[in-house]
Amino acid sequence: MQHHEFLALVQERASLPDRGAAERAVRSTLETVAERVPSGLARHVAAQLPHELAGHLTREPRQAGGSGPSAERPGGAVPPGDGERFDLTVFAARVAWRGGVSEQAALQEAAAVFEVLDAALAPELMERLSHSLPHDIRELLPTTRAEDA
């Protein structure tokens, strides 16, 4: 799937006003997913995405104790690289914080991103991603395999 196709599908499924909003939703969601899952899994997911999106999953964690935005991020600690443990409440807060939207909007947008991810990734990889997430975050994932757009 191409970068522009991925963004267009997220924009449509999340009912976002423009491509910029879709980019923000994708970035916010993928960066938060990267904090939650093991780094090896994040790299595998990134390898199946357009390079413009892959970087959101493979960014190096920021140093703890800094004064930048990561120091104020909801839910606390800087990710260790092996998957920080947090639930849907923290997930929603981080996506909302990154995207500058409400937590309700963040959850709707993240669900749209997960739906498009489901269409973009190999089924086995999407299953691995699903199993690496706690049950409450997993509820944002589509219940059936998404069709390729």
N, C-alpha and C. Protein backbone atom coordinates (compact mmCIF):
# COMPACT_ATOMS: atom_id res chain seq x y z
N MET A 1 0.85 -1.18 0.00
CA MET A 1 0.00 0.00 0.00
C MET A 1 0.90 1.24 0.00
N GLN A 2 0.55 2.19 -0.82
CA GLN A 2 1.30 3.43 -0.93
C GLN A 2 0.94 4.40 0.21
N HIS A 3 1.86 5.32 0.48
CA HIS A 3 1.68 6.31 1.54
C HIS A 3 0.38 7.09 1.36
N HIS A 4 0.15 7.63 0.17
CA HIS A 4 -1.04 8.44 -0.06
C HIS A 4 -2.32 7.61 0.08
N GLU A 5 -2.27 6.33 -0.29
CA GLU A 5 -3.44 5.45 -0.14
C GLU A 5 -3.74 5.22 1.34
N PHE A 6 -2.69 4.96 2.11
CA PHE A 6 -2.84 4.72 3.55
C PHE A 6 -3.52 5.94 4.20
N LEU A 7 -2.99 7.12 3.89
CA LEU A 7 -3.55 8.34 4.48
C LEU A 7 -4.99 8.58 4.03
N ALA A 8 -5.27 8.35 2.76
CA ALA A 8 -6.64 8.55 2.25
C ALA A 8 -7.62 7.62 2.95
N LEU A 9 -7.21 6.38 3.19
CA LEU A 9 -8.10 5.44 3.88
C LEU A 9 -8.33 5.85 5.33
N VAL A 10 -7.28 6.28 6.01
CA VAL A 10 -7.44 6.74 7.39
C VAL A 10 -8.35 7.97 7.41
N GLN A 11 -8.11 8.90 6.51
CA GLN A 11 -8.94 10.11 6.45
C GLN A 11 -10.41 9.74 6.27
N GLU A 12 -10.68 8.82 5.36
CA GLU A 12 -12.06 8.40 5.09
C GLU A 12 -12.68 7.68 6.29
N ARG A 13 -11.95 6.72 6.84
CA ARG A 13 -12.51 5.88 7.91
C ARG A 13 -12.66 6.62 9.22
N ALA A 14 -11.85 7.64 9.43
CA ALA A 14 -11.96 8.44 10.66
C ALA A 14 -12.76 9.71 10.44
N SER A 15 -13.25 9.92 9.22
CA SER A 15 -14.00 11.13 8.86
C SER A 15 -13.22 12.40 9.20
N LEU A 16 -11.96 12.42 8.79
CA LEU A 16 -11.10 13.56 9.06
C LEU A 16 -11.21 14.58 7.93
N PRO A 17 -11.01 15.87 8.23
CA PRO A 17 -11.26 16.91 7.24
C PRO A 17 -10.24 16.99 6.11
N ASP A 18 -8.99 16.54 6.36
CA ASP A 18 -7.97 16.69 5.32
C ASP A 18 -6.82 15.71 5.56
N ARG A 19 -5.89 15.71 4.60
CA ARG A 19 -4.74 14.81 4.66
C ARG A 19 -3.84 15.11 5.87
N GLY A 20 -3.71 16.38 6.22
CA GLY A 20 -2.89 16.75 7.37
C GLY A 20 -3.41 16.12 8.65
N ALA A 21 -4.72 16.12 8.81
CA ALA A 21 -5.33 15.50 10.00
C ALA A 21 -5.10 13.99 9.98
N ALA A 22 -5.15 13.39 8.81
CA ALA A 22 -4.88 11.96 8.70
C ALA A 22 -3.43 11.65 9.04
N GLU A 23 -2.51 12.48 8.55
CA GLU A 23 -1.09 12.29 8.89
C GLU A 23 -0.86 12.40 10.39
N ARG A 24 -1.49 13.38 11.01
CA ARG A 24 -1.36 13.55 12.45
C ARG A 24 -1.89 12.32 13.19
N ALA A 25 -3.04 11.82 12.77
CA ALA A 25 -3.64 10.64 13.41
C ALA A 25 -2.75 9.41 13.27
N VAL A 26 -2.19 9.23 12.08
CA VAL A 26 -1.32 8.08 11.84
C VAL A 26 -0.05 8.21 12.69
N ARG A 27 0.57 9.38 12.66
CA ARG A 27 1.80 9.59 13.44
C ARG A 27 1.55 9.36 14.93
N SER A 28 0.50 9.96 15.45
CA SER A 28 0.19 9.85 16.88
C SER A 28 -0.04 8.40 17.29
N THR A 29 -0.78 7.68 16.47
CA THR A 29 -1.09 6.28 16.78
C THR A 29 0.15 5.40 16.67
N LEU A 30 0.87 5.51 15.56
CA LEU A 30 2.03 4.64 15.37
C LEU A 30 3.13 4.90 16.39
N GLU A 31 3.36 6.15 16.75
CA GLU A 31 4.38 6.44 17.77
C GLU A 31 3.98 5.84 19.11
N THR A 32 2.71 5.85 19.41
CA THR A 32 2.25 5.27 20.68
C THR A 32 2.31 3.75 20.62
N VAL A 33 1.95 3.17 19.49
CA VAL A 33 2.08 1.72 19.32
C VAL A 33 3.54 1.31 19.50
N ALA A 34 4.46 2.10 18.94
CA ALA A 34 5.89 1.79 19.04
C ALA A 34 6.36 1.75 20.49
N GLU A 35 5.74 2.54 21.34
CA GLU A 35 6.10 2.52 22.76
C GLU A 35 5.57 1.27 23.45
N ARG A 36 4.46 0.73 22.95
CA ARG A 36 3.77 -0.36 23.64
C ARG A 36 4.27 -1.75 23.25
N VAL A 37 4.72 -1.91 22.00
CA VAL A 37 5.10 -3.24 21.53
C VAL A 37 6.62 -3.41 21.56
N PRO A 38 7.09 -4.66 21.56
CA PRO A 38 8.55 -4.88 21.50
C PRO A 38 9.15 -4.23 20.25
N SER A 39 10.36 -3.71 20.39
CA SER A 39 10.99 -2.98 19.29
C SER A 39 11.17 -3.85 18.05
N GLY A 40 11.43 -5.13 18.23
CA GLY A 40 11.58 -6.02 17.08
C GLY A 40 10.29 -6.12 16.29
N LEU A 41 9.18 -6.22 16.98
CA LEU A 41 7.88 -6.27 16.32
C LEU A 41 7.60 -4.95 15.61
N ALA A 42 7.91 -3.84 16.26
CA ALA A 42 7.71 -2.53 15.63
C ALA A 42 8.51 -2.43 14.34
N ARG A 43 9.73 -2.96 14.33
CA ARG A 43 10.56 -2.94 13.11
C ARG A 43 9.94 -3.80 12.01
N HIS A 44 9.38 -4.95 12.38
CA HIS A 44 8.74 -5.82 11.38
C HIS A 44 7.51 -5.14 10.77
N VAL A 45 6.72 -4.48 11.61
CA VAL A 45 5.56 -3.75 11.11
C VAL A 45 6.03 -2.62 10.20
N ALA A 46 7.03 -1.89 10.64
CA ALA A 46 7.55 -0.77 9.85
C ALA A 46 8.03 -1.24 8.47
N ALA A 47 8.62 -2.43 8.42
CA ALA A 47 9.14 -2.95 7.16
C ALA A 47 8.05 -3.18 6.12
N GLN A 48 6.81 -3.33 6.55
CA GLN A 48 5.71 -3.57 5.62
C GLN A 48 4.91 -2.30 5.31
N LEU A 49 5.36 -1.19 5.83
CA LEU A 49 4.67 0.08 5.60
C LEU A 49 5.50 0.97 4.68
N PRO A 50 4.85 1.95 4.05
CA PRO A 50 5.62 2.92 3.26
C PRO A 50 6.67 3.60 4.15
N HIS A 51 7.82 3.90 3.57
CA HIS A 51 8.91 4.46 4.39
C HIS A 51 8.52 5.74 5.10
N GLU A 52 7.59 6.51 4.55
CA GLU A 52 7.16 7.75 5.20
C GLU A 52 6.46 7.47 6.54
N LEU A 53 5.89 6.29 6.67
CA LEU A 53 5.20 5.90 7.91
C LEU A 53 6.08 5.06 8.82
N ALA A 54 6.99 4.33 8.24
CA ALA A 54 7.83 3.40 9.01
C ALA A 54 8.60 4.10 10.11
N GLY A 55 9.05 5.32 9.86
CA GLY A 55 9.83 6.05 10.86
C GLY A 55 9.09 6.31 12.15
N HIS A 56 7.77 6.34 12.10
CA HIS A 56 7.00 6.56 13.32
C HIS A 56 7.08 5.36 14.26
N LEU A 57 7.42 4.21 13.72
CA LEU A 57 7.52 2.99 14.53
C LEU A 57 8.94 2.68 14.97
N THR A 58 9.91 3.27 14.31
CA THR A 58 11.30 2.89 14.57
C THR A 58 12.15 3.98 15.19
N ARG A 59 11.52 5.06 15.59
CA ARG A 59 12.27 6.15 16.23
C ARG A 59 12.91 5.66 17.52
N GLU A 60 14.10 6.14 17.78
CA GLU A 60 14.76 5.80 19.04
C GLU A 60 14.06 6.50 20.19
N PRO A 61 13.92 5.80 21.34
CA PRO A 61 13.30 6.46 22.49
C PRO A 61 14.11 7.65 22.94
N ARG A 62 13.43 8.67 23.44
CA ARG A 62 14.13 9.86 23.96
C ARG A 62 14.69 9.57 25.34
N GLN A 63 15.68 10.33 25.71
CA GLN A 63 16.33 10.14 27.00
C GLN A 63 15.40 10.56 28.13
N ALA A 64 15.42 9.81 29.20
CA ALA A 64 14.63 10.15 30.39
C ALA A 64 15.19 11.41 31.02
N GLY A 65 14.31 12.16 31.66
CA GLY A 65 14.75 13.34 32.40
C GLY A 65 14.93 14.57 31.54
N GLY A 66 14.62 14.48 30.26
CA GLY A 66 14.77 15.64 29.38
C GLY A 66 13.70 16.67 29.67
N SER A 67 13.83 17.80 29.02
CA SER A 67 12.85 18.85 29.24
C SER A 67 11.87 18.97 28.08
N GLY A 68 12.03 18.12 27.05
CA GLY A 68 11.16 18.18 25.88
C GLY A 68 9.81 17.56 26.15
N PRO A 69 8.99 17.46 25.12
CA PRO A 69 7.64 16.94 25.27
C PRO A 69 7.58 15.53 25.84
N SER A 70 8.58 14.68 25.56
CA SER A 70 8.51 13.32 26.07
C SER A 70 8.56 13.29 27.60
N ALA A 71 9.17 14.30 28.21
CA ALA A 71 9.23 14.34 29.66
C ALA A 71 7.86 14.60 30.27
N GLU A 72 6.96 15.17 29.50
CA GLU A 72 5.63 15.50 30.00
C GLU A 72 4.56 14.55 29.48
N ARG A 73 4.96 13.54 28.71
CA ARG A 73 4.04 12.63 28.07
C ARG A 73 3.17 11.92 29.10
N PRO A 74 1.87 11.80 28.85
CA PRO A 74 0.98 11.09 29.78
C PRO A 74 1.44 9.65 29.96
N GLY A 75 1.33 9.16 31.17
CA GLY A 75 1.66 7.78 31.43
C GLY A 75 3.09 7.57 31.87
N GLY A 76 3.91 8.60 31.83
CA GLY A 76 5.20 8.53 32.48
C GLY A 76 6.41 8.14 31.69
N ALA A 77 6.99 7.02 32.03
CA ALA A 77 8.35 6.63 31.68
C ALA A 77 8.64 6.61 30.19
N VAL A 78 9.91 6.79 29.89
CA VAL A 78 10.40 6.67 28.53
C VAL A 78 10.46 5.19 28.18
N PRO A 79 10.05 4.80 26.98
CA PRO A 79 10.00 3.39 26.63
C PRO A 79 11.37 2.74 26.60
N PRO A 80 11.48 1.51 27.12
CA PRO A 80 12.76 0.82 27.15
C PRO A 80 13.13 0.16 25.85
N GLY A 81 12.21 0.05 24.89
CA GLY A 81 12.52 -0.61 23.63
C GLY A 81 11.95 -2.02 23.55
N ASP A 82 11.50 -2.56 24.66
CA ASP A 82 10.92 -3.91 24.65
C ASP A 82 9.44 -3.90 24.93
N GLY A 83 8.81 -2.79 24.80
CA GLY A 83 7.39 -2.69 24.99
C GLY A 83 7.01 -2.27 26.39
N GLU A 84 6.71 -1.02 26.52
CA GLU A 84 6.27 -0.47 27.80
C GLU A 84 4.86 -0.97 28.08
N ARG A 85 4.55 -1.29 29.30
CA ARG A 85 3.23 -1.79 29.65
C ARG A 85 2.31 -0.64 30.05
N PHE A 86 1.23 -0.47 29.28
CA PHE A 86 0.19 0.48 29.65
C PHE A 86 -1.12 0.05 29.01
N ASP A 87 -2.20 0.56 29.56
CA ASP A 87 -3.53 0.14 29.15
C ASP A 87 -4.16 1.15 28.19
N LEU A 88 -5.43 0.92 27.88
CA LEU A 88 -6.15 1.77 26.92
C LEU A 88 -6.23 3.21 27.40
N THR A 89 -6.37 3.43 28.69
CA THR A 89 -6.47 4.79 29.21
C THR A 89 -5.20 5.58 28.89
N VAL A 90 -4.05 4.99 29.13
CA VAL A 90 -2.78 5.66 28.84
C VAL A 90 -2.58 5.75 27.33
N PHE A 91 -2.93 4.70 26.60
CA PHE A 91 -2.83 4.72 25.15
C PHE A 91 -3.60 5.91 24.58
N ALA A 92 -4.86 6.05 24.99
CA ALA A 92 -5.71 7.14 24.51
C ALA A 92 -5.11 8.50 24.89
N ALA A 93 -4.60 8.61 26.12
CA ALA A 93 -4.02 9.88 26.57
C ALA A 93 -2.80 10.25 25.73
N ARG A 94 -1.97 9.27 25.42
CA ARG A 94 -0.76 9.56 24.63
C ARG A 94 -1.09 9.93 23.19
N VAL A 95 -2.02 9.20 22.59
CA VAL A 95 -2.41 9.52 21.21
C VAL A 95 -3.04 10.91 21.18
N ALA A 96 -3.89 11.21 22.15
CA ALA A 96 -4.54 12.52 22.22
C ALA A 96 -3.50 13.62 22.43
N TRP A 97 -2.58 13.40 23.32
CA TRP A 97 -1.52 14.38 23.62
C TRP A 97 -0.68 14.67 22.38
N ARG A 98 -0.28 13.61 21.69
CA ARG A 98 0.54 13.79 20.48
C ARG A 98 -0.22 14.49 19.37
N GLY A 99 -1.50 14.17 19.25
CA GLY A 99 -2.28 14.71 18.14
C GLY A 99 -3.01 15.99 18.44
N GLY A 100 -3.03 16.39 19.70
CA GLY A 100 -3.73 17.61 20.07
C GLY A 100 -5.24 17.49 19.90
N VAL A 101 -5.76 16.30 20.20
CA VAL A 101 -7.20 16.04 20.08
C VAL A 101 -7.71 15.49 21.41
N SER A 102 -9.02 15.37 21.53
CA SER A 102 -9.60 14.78 22.73
C SER A 102 -9.29 13.28 22.76
N GLU A 103 -9.41 12.68 23.92
CA GLU A 103 -9.17 11.25 24.03
C GLU A 103 -10.19 10.46 23.23
N GLN A 104 -11.43 10.92 23.18
CA GLN A 104 -12.45 10.24 22.38
C GLN A 104 -12.08 10.28 20.90
N ALA A 105 -11.66 11.44 20.41
CA ALA A 105 -11.23 11.56 19.01
C ALA A 105 -10.01 10.69 18.76
N ALA A 106 -9.09 10.66 19.72
CA ALA A 106 -7.88 9.85 19.57
C ALA A 106 -8.23 8.37 19.42
N LEU A 107 -9.19 7.89 20.19
CA LEU A 107 -9.60 6.48 20.09
C LEU A 107 -10.24 6.19 18.74
N GLN A 108 -11.06 7.10 18.25
CA GLN A 108 -11.70 6.91 16.94
C GLN A 108 -10.66 6.90 15.83
N GLU A 109 -9.72 7.81 15.92
CA GLU A 109 -8.67 7.89 14.91
C GLU A 109 -7.76 6.67 14.97
N ALA A 110 -7.41 6.24 16.18
CA ALA A 110 -6.55 5.05 16.32
C ALA A 110 -7.24 3.82 15.76
N ALA A 111 -8.55 3.68 15.98
CA ALA A 111 -9.29 2.55 15.44
C ALA A 111 -9.22 2.56 13.91
N ALA A 112 -9.32 3.73 13.29
CA ALA A 112 -9.21 3.84 11.84
C ALA A 112 -7.81 3.47 11.37
N VAL A 113 -6.79 3.91 12.10
CA VAL A 113 -5.41 3.56 11.74
C VAL A 113 -5.22 2.05 11.84
N PHE A 114 -5.73 1.43 12.89
CA PHE A 114 -5.60 -0.02 13.04
C PHE A 114 -6.33 -0.75 11.92
N GLU A 115 -7.46 -0.23 11.49
CA GLU A 115 -8.20 -0.86 10.40
C GLU A 115 -7.39 -0.82 9.10
N VAL A 116 -6.76 0.31 8.83
CA VAL A 116 -5.96 0.42 7.62
C VAL A 116 -4.68 -0.42 7.76
N LEU A 117 -4.10 -0.45 8.94
CA LEU A 117 -2.94 -1.32 9.18
C LEU A 117 -3.30 -2.76 8.87
N ASP A 118 -4.48 -3.18 9.27
CA ASP A 118 -4.93 -4.55 9.05
C ASP A 118 -4.94 -4.88 7.56
N ALA A 119 -5.32 -3.92 6.73
CA ALA A 119 -5.32 -4.13 5.29
C ALA A 119 -3.91 -4.09 4.70
N ALA A 120 -3.01 -3.34 5.34
CA ALA A 120 -1.66 -3.13 4.80
C ALA A 120 -0.67 -4.22 5.19
N LEU A 121 -0.88 -4.87 6.33
CA LEU A 121 0.08 -5.84 6.85
C LEU A 121 -0.29 -7.26 6.47
N ALA A 122 0.72 -8.12 6.43
CA ALA A 122 0.47 -9.55 6.26
C ALA A 122 -0.38 -10.03 7.44
N PRO A 123 -1.31 -10.94 7.21
CA PRO A 123 -2.19 -11.40 8.30
C PRO A 123 -1.43 -11.92 9.53
N GLU A 124 -0.33 -12.63 9.30
CA GLU A 124 0.44 -13.18 10.43
C GLU A 124 1.04 -12.06 11.27
N LEU A 125 1.49 -11.00 10.62
CA LEU A 125 2.09 -9.88 11.35
C LEU A 125 1.03 -9.11 12.12
N MET A 126 -0.13 -8.94 11.52
CA MET A 126 -1.22 -8.26 12.23
C MET A 126 -1.63 -9.08 13.45
N GLU A 127 -1.61 -10.39 13.32
CA GLU A 127 -1.93 -11.25 14.46
C GLU A 127 -0.89 -11.11 15.57
N ARG A 128 0.38 -11.04 15.20
CA ARG A 128 1.44 -10.83 16.20
C ARG A 128 1.26 -9.48 16.90
N LEU A 129 0.93 -8.45 16.12
CA LEU A 129 0.70 -7.14 16.70
C LEU A 129 -0.47 -7.20 17.67
N SER A 130 -1.53 -7.82 17.27
CA SER A 130 -2.72 -7.95 18.12
C SER A 130 -2.38 -8.64 19.43
N HIS A 131 -1.64 -9.74 19.35
CA HIS A 131 -1.31 -10.50 20.56
C HIS A 131 -0.34 -9.77 21.48
N SER A 132 0.36 -8.78 20.95
CA SER A 132 1.29 -8.03 21.80
C SER A 132 0.61 -6.90 22.57
N LEU A 133 -0.66 -6.65 22.23
CA LEU A 133 -1.41 -5.57 22.89
C LEU A 133 -2.33 -6.14 23.96
N PRO A 134 -2.57 -5.40 25.02
CA PRO A 134 -3.52 -5.87 26.04
C PRO A 134 -4.94 -5.88 25.48
N HIS A 135 -5.79 -6.64 26.12
CA HIS A 135 -7.15 -6.83 25.66
C HIS A 135 -7.88 -5.51 25.40
N ASP A 136 -7.73 -4.54 26.30
CA ASP A 136 -8.50 -3.30 26.13
C ASP A 136 -8.04 -2.50 24.90
N ILE A 137 -6.75 -2.47 24.60
CA ILE A 137 -6.29 -1.79 23.38
C ILE A 137 -6.68 -2.62 22.16
N ARG A 138 -6.62 -3.92 22.29
CA ARG A 138 -6.97 -4.82 21.18
C ARG A 138 -8.40 -4.59 20.69
N GLU A 139 -9.25 -4.06 21.55
CA GLU A 139 -10.63 -3.79 21.15
C GLU A 139 -10.73 -2.71 20.08
N LEU A 140 -9.67 -1.94 19.87
CA LEU A 140 -9.65 -0.93 18.80
C LEU A 140 -9.40 -1.57 17.44
N LEU A 141 -8.88 -2.79 17.42
CA LEU A 141 -8.57 -3.47 16.17
C LEU A 141 -9.85 -3.99 15.52
N PRO A 142 -9.85 -4.11 14.20
CA PRO A 142 -11.04 -4.66 13.53
C PRO A 142 -11.27 -6.10 13.96
N THR A 143 -12.51 -6.51 14.02
CA THR A 143 -12.84 -7.87 14.46
C THR A 143 -12.69 -8.89 13.34
N THR A 144 -12.75 -8.42 12.10
CA THR A 144 -12.53 -9.31 10.96
C THR A 144 -11.45 -8.70 10.08
N ARG A 145 -10.81 -9.54 9.31
CA ARG A 145 -9.74 -9.10 8.44
C ARG A 145 -10.25 -8.04 7.45
N ALA A 146 -9.55 -6.89 7.42
CA ALA A 146 -9.94 -5.82 6.50
C ALA A 146 -9.61 -6.22 5.07
N GLU A 147 -10.43 -5.79 4.16
CA GLU A 147 -10.20 -6.04 2.74
C GLU A 147 -9.15 -5.06 2.22
N ASP A 148 -8.34 -5.52 1.28
CA ASP A 148 -7.40 -4.61 0.65
C ASP A 148 -8.18 -3.56 -0.12
N ALA A 149 -7.77 -2.34 0.03
CA ALA A 149 -8.49 -1.23 -0.62
C ALA A 149 -8.10 -1.10 -2.07
